[in-house]
Amino acid sequence: MKTSALTIGIILLARLVKVDGRRGTTEISETLELYKTDAKYTALLKEINSTYHGRPHNTANNLEFEKYFQTVLSGLNLTVYDIADKIDIYTDFTVYNQIRLELEREISKTIQVAKNLLSLKNLLPHCRTFFMDQQVQMAASISQSNLMKMEILNNPSPECENVELNQITFLETTTTTTTPKPINYDSIFRDILQKYSKRPWGNLKYLEFDEQIWQVFMALNTDDKIYKKETLIGFMGYDKDREKLDKALAVRIGKFKKIIANETDSNCKGNLLYLNKRLSLAMFETLEKKRKILVITNYIHSCVKHEEHLKIVDKINKT
């Protein structure tokens, strides 16, 4: 009996040691994976610090950049057990910085276009004033927040931007003078009202567009020619921008549908579906909101695991 009990005890002890060994192996594996992930994100944060330590690429005197950069420095002092915070810090900075760089590229392009147009001797005086002021505002916006950059970029002149060159210049010399044919504003207004008597989007509410159409209706029923002229210029500029932005939104929605169809991660798919819904709703928002959501969603090409994009889109919709 004693021999039998001893044998059973040895067998049980061996099984316990085997189970504890398996647990120990699993714990070691998880710990190694934790340290591996920590090393990866620590290296990424160090790379950011190395790149921007001297504040290059228009980052000097940018308070918003400084705020995000300071979080990177604080992240470098976190331990391996704060890996979730390190990942958040890296993602926050990367998303912010990608948007900043893209906006600054757009600002540089706009400044160059303004510079080229200002070199024209026959540029209309009010357009010359606009482009001179635009250059100053664009240059100053480099050190401002991303939201301020967006607002300045999305403040166009319907009379001077995105129009044919002959609309913003005058003939420098003429041998003969002719009396221009007077514009029949009422006829143009009637054509506009007829065109939009049935909205292409049906009965859905589109407040900004309805306000513009109301201005056209009011101009048709007044004798003030200056008011008629200003209303026509305003509506034509608005409607041209609206059609351009709506087309861009439609293309972006189609792109998102393709990404969503191939997405397997349920969380990512949910975020992408939310953003695509916001893009659809933007069809009936103001031009400013259309532009902003197009700028934000321009940086999304795959899975959206981070919530930063969603927060920015929500902020746009609340403004």
Protein backbone atom coordinates (compact mmCIF):
# COMPACT_ATOMS: atom_id res chain seq x y z
CA MET A 1 0.00 0.00 0.00
CA LYS A 2 2.79 2.41 0.89
CA THR A 3 4.49 1.78 -2.44
CA SER A 4 1.27 2.34 -4.33
CA ALA A 5 0.58 5.70 -2.56
CA LEU A 6 4.14 6.89 -3.22
CA THR A 7 3.84 6.01 -6.89
CA ILE A 8 0.56 7.93 -7.22
CA GLY A 9 2.10 10.97 -5.48
CA ILE A 10 5.07 11.02 -7.83
CA ILE A 11 2.76 10.85 -10.86
CA LEU A 12 0.61 13.76 -9.59
CA LEU A 13 3.71 15.86 -8.81
CA ALA A 14 5.06 15.25 -12.31
CA ARG A 15 1.79 16.39 -13.87
CA LEU A 16 1.75 19.58 -11.78
CA VAL A 17 5.32 20.41 -12.79
CA LYS A 18 4.37 19.87 -16.44
CA VAL A 19 1.37 22.23 -16.19
CA ASP A 20 3.40 24.91 -14.39
CA GLY A 21 6.04 24.58 -17.07
CA ARG A 22 3.50 25.28 -19.79
CA ARG A 23 2.23 28.34 -17.93
CA GLY A 24 5.75 29.60 -17.48
CA THR A 25 6.52 29.22 -21.18
CA THR A 26 3.36 31.17 -22.10
CA GLU A 27 4.20 33.97 -19.67
CA ILE A 28 7.75 34.23 -21.00
CA SER A 29 6.45 34.36 -24.58
CA GLU A 30 3.97 37.14 -23.73
CA THR A 31 6.65 39.12 -21.88
CA LEU A 32 9.04 38.85 -24.81
CA GLU A 33 6.29 40.06 -27.19
CA LEU A 34 5.61 43.02 -24.87
CA TYR A 35 9.26 44.04 -24.84
CA LYS A 36 9.48 43.61 -28.61
CA THR A 37 6.48 45.93 -29.16
CA ASP A 38 7.86 48.44 -26.68
CA ALA A 39 11.21 48.48 -28.47
CA LYS A 40 9.47 49.09 -31.81
CA TYR A 41 7.49 52.13 -30.64
CA THR A 42 10.37 53.51 -28.59
CA ALA A 43 12.47 53.45 -31.78
CA LEU A 44 9.68 55.21 -33.71
CA LEU A 45 9.42 57.94 -31.07
CA LYS A 46 13.20 58.36 -31.09
CA GLU A 47 13.10 58.74 -34.88
CA ILE A 48 10.52 61.54 -34.55
CA ASN A 49 12.68 63.24 -31.92
CA SER A 50 15.75 62.96 -34.14
CA THR A 51 13.91 64.34 -37.17
CA TYR A 52 12.28 67.32 -35.48
CA HIS A 53 14.64 68.09 -32.62
CA GLY A 54 15.94 71.19 -34.42
CA ARG A 55 12.38 72.20 -35.49
CA PRO A 56 12.90 72.02 -39.28
CA HIS A 57 10.28 72.12 -42.07
CA ASN A 58 8.23 75.12 -40.86
CA THR A 59 7.77 73.67 -37.36
CA ALA A 60 9.47 76.50 -35.47
CA ASN A 61 7.02 78.82 -33.66
CA ASN A 62 4.14 76.42 -34.37
CA LEU A 63 2.44 76.03 -30.98
CA GLU A 64 0.24 73.12 -32.11
CA PHE A 65 3.27 71.20 -33.40
CA GLU A 66 5.10 71.92 -30.14
CA LYS A 67 2.22 70.45 -28.12
CA TYR A 68 2.30 67.18 -30.07
CA PHE A 69 6.12 67.05 -30.04
CA GLN A 70 6.23 67.42 -26.25
CA THR A 71 4.01 64.34 -25.92
CA VAL A 72 6.59 62.43 -27.99
CA LEU A 73 9.33 63.47 -25.55
CA SER A 74 7.19 62.40 -22.60
CA GLY A 75 6.51 59.08 -24.35
CA LEU A 76 10.23 58.34 -24.44
CA ASN A 77 10.26 58.35 -20.62
CA LEU A 78 7.45 55.78 -20.32
CA THR A 79 8.18 52.20 -19.29
CA VAL A 80 7.40 48.96 -21.09
CA TYR A 81 4.22 48.68 -19.03
CA ASP A 82 2.93 51.95 -20.58
CA ILE A 83 3.07 50.56 -24.10
CA ALA A 84 -0.59 51.47 -24.82
CA ASP A 85 0.19 55.14 -24.08
CA LYS A 86 3.29 55.01 -26.29
CA ILE A 87 1.26 53.67 -29.21
CA ASP A 88 -1.37 56.41 -28.72
CA ILE A 89 1.30 59.13 -28.60
CA TYR A 90 2.97 57.86 -31.78
CA THR A 91 -0.36 57.57 -33.63
CA ASP A 92 -1.57 61.01 -32.50
CA PHE A 93 1.62 62.70 -33.67
CA THR A 94 1.77 60.81 -36.98
CA VAL A 95 -1.83 61.63 -37.94
CA TYR A 96 -1.39 65.30 -36.97
CA ASN A 97 1.92 65.61 -38.81
CA GLN A 98 0.67 63.97 -42.03
CA ILE A 99 -2.20 66.44 -42.18
CA ARG A 100 0.15 69.36 -41.41
CA LEU A 101 2.57 68.44 -44.19
CA GLU A 102 -0.21 67.99 -46.76
CA LEU A 103 -1.77 71.35 -45.86
CA GLU A 104 1.60 73.09 -46.08
CA ARG A 105 2.17 71.59 -49.54
CA GLU A 106 -1.21 73.01 -50.62
CA ILE A 107 -0.28 76.39 -49.13
CA SER A 108 3.02 76.43 -51.07
CA LYS A 109 1.18 75.65 -54.32
CA THR A 110 -1.36 78.43 -53.67
CA ILE A 111 1.39 80.96 -52.92
CA GLN A 112 3.18 80.04 -56.17
CA VAL A 113 -0.03 80.42 -58.22
CA ALA A 114 -0.66 83.83 -56.64
CA LYS A 115 2.94 84.87 -57.38
CA ASN A 116 2.58 83.86 -61.05
CA LEU A 117 -0.69 85.75 -61.46
CA LEU A 118 0.69 88.88 -59.76
CA SER A 119 3.41 88.97 -62.42
CA LEU A 120 0.72 89.72 -65.04
CA LYS A 121 0.65 93.42 -65.84
CA ASN A 122 -2.97 93.34 -66.97
CA LEU A 123 -4.40 91.63 -63.88
CA LEU A 124 -7.66 93.23 -62.75
CA PRO A 125 -7.05 95.60 -59.79
CA HIS A 126 -9.42 93.86 -57.34
CA CYS A 127 -7.85 90.47 -58.17
CA ARG A 128 -4.35 91.93 -57.70
CA THR A 129 -5.40 93.10 -54.24
CA PHE A 130 -6.89 89.68 -53.45
CA PHE A 131 -3.76 87.72 -54.47
CA MET A 132 -1.45 90.12 -52.60
CA ASP A 133 -3.51 89.68 -49.42
CA GLN A 134 -3.70 85.92 -50.01
CA GLN A 135 0.09 85.60 -50.17
CA VAL A 136 0.43 87.35 -46.79
CA GLN A 137 -2.27 85.21 -45.16
CA MET A 138 -0.86 81.96 -46.56
CA ALA A 139 2.68 82.74 -45.39
CA ALA A 140 1.41 83.60 -41.90
CA SER A 141 -0.67 80.40 -41.68
CA ILE A 142 2.44 78.17 -41.79
CA SER A 143 2.94 78.59 -38.05
CA GLN A 144 -0.76 78.22 -37.19
CA SER A 145 -2.87 75.16 -36.33
CA ASN A 146 -4.07 72.67 -38.94
CA LEU A 147 -7.65 73.90 -38.55
CA MET A 148 -6.57 77.49 -39.22
CA LYS A 149 -4.62 76.33 -42.28
CA MET A 150 -7.77 74.62 -43.59
CA GLU A 151 -9.88 77.73 -43.06
CA ILE A 152 -7.41 79.96 -44.92
CA LEU A 153 -7.05 77.48 -47.80
CA ASN A 154 -10.82 77.18 -48.09
CA ASN A 155 -11.47 80.91 -48.42
CA PRO A 156 -11.48 81.39 -52.21
CA SER A 157 -12.53 84.34 -54.32
CA PRO A 158 -15.29 83.32 -56.79
CA GLU A 159 -14.29 86.23 -59.03
CA CYS A 160 -10.51 85.69 -59.10
CA GLU A 161 -9.81 81.97 -58.45
CA ASN A 162 -10.67 78.88 -60.52
CA VAL A 163 -11.81 81.01 -63.48
CA GLU A 164 -10.55 81.52 -67.03
CA LEU A 165 -7.56 83.87 -67.35
CA ASN A 166 -9.48 86.29 -69.58
CA GLN A 167 -11.96 86.82 -66.74
CA ILE A 168 -9.34 88.32 -64.44
CA THR A 169 -7.31 90.29 -67.00
CA PHE A 170 -8.00 93.19 -69.35
CA LEU A 171 -6.69 93.99 -72.82
CA GLU A 172 -3.61 96.18 -72.50
CA THR A 173 -4.10 97.92 -75.84
CA THR A 174 -7.14 98.28 -78.09
CA THR A 175 -7.42 99.98 -81.47
CA THR A 176 -11.19 100.28 -81.43
CA THR A 177 -13.80 100.53 -78.73
CA THR A 178 -17.10 98.72 -78.84
CA THR A 179 -20.10 99.02 -76.60
CA PRO A 180 -20.67 95.71 -74.85
CA LYS A 181 -24.07 94.14 -75.18
CA PRO A 182 -26.02 94.65 -71.96
CA ILE A 183 -26.48 91.51 -69.84
CA ASN A 184 -30.07 90.35 -69.51
CA TYR A 185 -29.92 89.39 -65.84
CA ASP A 186 -33.61 88.50 -65.62
CA SER A 187 -33.32 86.00 -68.44
CA ILE A 188 -30.33 84.35 -66.75
CA PHE A 189 -32.16 84.25 -63.40
CA ARG A 190 -35.20 82.61 -65.00
CA ASP A 191 -32.96 79.96 -66.58
CA ILE A 192 -31.37 79.25 -63.17
CA LEU A 193 -34.74 78.96 -61.43
CA GLN A 194 -36.04 76.69 -64.20
CA LYS A 195 -32.93 74.50 -64.03
CA TYR A 196 -33.36 73.99 -60.28
CA SER A 197 -37.16 74.00 -60.10
CA LYS A 198 -36.77 70.28 -59.38
CA ARG A 199 -33.74 69.66 -57.23
CA PRO A 200 -31.41 66.89 -58.53
CA TRP A 201 -31.31 65.56 -54.94
CA GLY A 202 -35.10 65.37 -54.56
CA ASN A 203 -36.80 66.56 -51.37
CA LEU A 204 -33.75 66.37 -49.10
CA LYS A 205 -32.99 69.58 -47.18
CA TYR A 206 -30.06 71.60 -48.51
CA LEU A 207 -30.21 74.86 -46.55
CA GLU A 208 -27.22 76.69 -48.03
CA PHE A 209 -28.32 75.97 -51.61
CA ASP A 210 -31.90 77.04 -50.84
CA GLU A 211 -30.58 80.35 -49.47
CA GLN A 212 -28.65 80.91 -52.70
CA ILE A 213 -31.72 80.15 -54.85
CA TRP A 214 -33.79 82.54 -52.72
CA GLN A 215 -31.27 85.30 -53.46
CA VAL A 216 -31.70 84.62 -57.19
CA PHE A 217 -35.48 84.82 -56.82
CA MET A 218 -35.21 88.13 -54.93
CA ALA A 219 -32.84 89.57 -57.57
CA LEU A 220 -35.33 88.67 -60.32
CA ASN A 221 -37.96 90.75 -58.56
CA THR A 222 -35.93 93.91 -58.09
CA ASP A 223 -34.93 96.78 -60.40
CA ASP A 224 -31.56 97.30 -58.74
CA LYS A 225 -29.01 96.39 -61.44
CA ILE A 226 -26.06 96.43 -59.05
CA TYR A 227 -27.87 93.95 -56.80
CA LYS A 228 -28.69 91.77 -59.83
CA LYS A 229 -25.05 91.77 -60.93
CA GLU A 230 -23.70 90.94 -57.47
CA THR A 231 -26.28 88.18 -56.99
CA LEU A 232 -25.45 86.59 -60.34
CA ILE A 233 -21.70 86.65 -59.69
CA GLY A 234 -22.24 85.22 -56.21
CA PHE A 235 -24.56 82.42 -57.31
CA MET A 236 -22.48 81.37 -60.34
CA GLY A 237 -19.35 81.19 -58.19
CA TYR A 238 -21.19 79.25 -55.48
CA ASP A 239 -22.81 76.79 -57.90
CA LYS A 240 -19.54 76.12 -59.69
CA ASP A 241 -17.79 75.35 -56.40
CA ARG A 242 -20.75 73.21 -55.26
CA GLU A 243 -20.68 71.04 -58.38
CA LYS A 244 -16.91 70.63 -58.14
CA LEU A 245 -17.03 69.62 -54.46
CA ASP A 246 -20.02 67.30 -54.91
CA LYS A 247 -18.15 65.48 -57.68
CA ALA A 248 -15.11 65.13 -55.41
CA LEU A 249 -17.33 63.78 -52.61
CA ALA A 250 -18.90 61.23 -54.97
CA VAL A 251 -15.45 60.00 -56.04
CA ARG A 252 -14.31 59.76 -52.40
CA ILE A 253 -17.45 57.80 -51.42
CA GLY A 254 -16.81 55.33 -54.25
CA LYS A 255 -13.21 54.89 -53.07
CA PHE A 256 -14.35 54.21 -49.49
CA LYS A 257 -16.89 51.62 -50.66
CA LYS A 258 -14.07 49.63 -52.30
CA ILE A 259 -11.95 49.79 -49.11
CA ILE A 260 -14.93 48.75 -46.95
CA ALA A 261 -15.73 45.79 -49.21
CA ASN A 262 -12.25 44.36 -48.64
CA GLU A 263 -11.93 45.20 -44.91
CA THR A 264 -12.01 42.18 -42.56
CA ASP A 265 -11.47 43.90 -39.21
CA SER A 266 -14.92 44.68 -37.76
CA ASN A 267 -13.74 47.73 -35.78
CA CYS A 268 -12.01 49.19 -38.79
CA LYS A 269 -15.01 48.48 -40.98
CA GLY A 270 -17.29 50.25 -38.49
CA ASN A 271 -15.10 53.37 -38.50
CA LEU A 272 -14.89 53.39 -42.30
CA LEU A 273 -18.68 53.02 -42.62
CA TYR A 274 -19.11 55.95 -40.21
CA LEU A 275 -16.78 58.15 -42.24
CA ASN A 276 -18.48 57.17 -45.50
CA LYS A 277 -21.85 58.11 -43.99
CA ARG A 278 -20.41 61.52 -43.06
CA LEU A 279 -19.17 61.96 -46.62
CA SER A 280 -22.70 61.25 -47.92
CA LEU A 281 -24.27 63.73 -45.47
CA ALA A 282 -21.69 66.36 -46.50
CA MET A 283 -23.41 66.52 -49.92
CA PHE A 284 -26.03 68.72 -48.23
CA GLU A 285 -23.71 70.73 -46.00
CA THR A 286 -22.06 74.10 -46.57
CA LEU A 287 -19.17 74.45 -49.02
CA GLU A 288 -16.83 75.00 -46.08
CA LYS A 289 -17.79 71.68 -44.47
CA LYS A 290 -17.50 69.86 -47.81
CA ARG A 291 -13.95 71.15 -48.23
CA LYS A 292 -12.91 70.28 -44.68
CA ILE A 293 -14.16 66.69 -44.74
CA LEU A 294 -12.49 66.15 -48.14
CA VAL A 295 -9.18 67.37 -46.70
CA ILE A 296 -9.47 65.11 -43.63
CA THR A 297 -10.52 61.94 -45.47
CA ASN A 298 -7.80 62.46 -48.07
CA TYR A 299 -5.31 60.87 -45.66
CA ILE A 300 -7.27 57.63 -45.16
CA HIS A 301 -6.29 54.85 -47.55
CA SER A 302 -6.92 51.74 -45.43
CA CYS A 303 -8.04 50.57 -41.99
CA VAL A 304 -8.93 53.36 -39.56
CA LYS A 305 -8.07 51.99 -36.13
CA HIS A 306 -7.28 55.36 -34.57
CA GLU A 307 -10.08 57.63 -33.40
CA GLU A 308 -8.33 60.91 -34.26
CA HIS A 309 -9.86 61.14 -37.75
CA LEU A 310 -13.33 60.50 -36.31
CA LYS A 311 -12.88 63.26 -33.71
CA ILE A 312 -11.86 65.77 -36.39
CA VAL A 313 -14.81 64.82 -38.62
CA ASP A 314 -17.20 65.19 -35.66
CA LYS A 315 -15.67 68.61 -34.91
CA ILE A 316 -16.29 69.70 -38.51
CA ASN A 317 -19.92 68.62 -38.32
CA LYS A 318 -20.46 70.58 -35.09
CA THR A 319 -19.10 73.86 -36.51
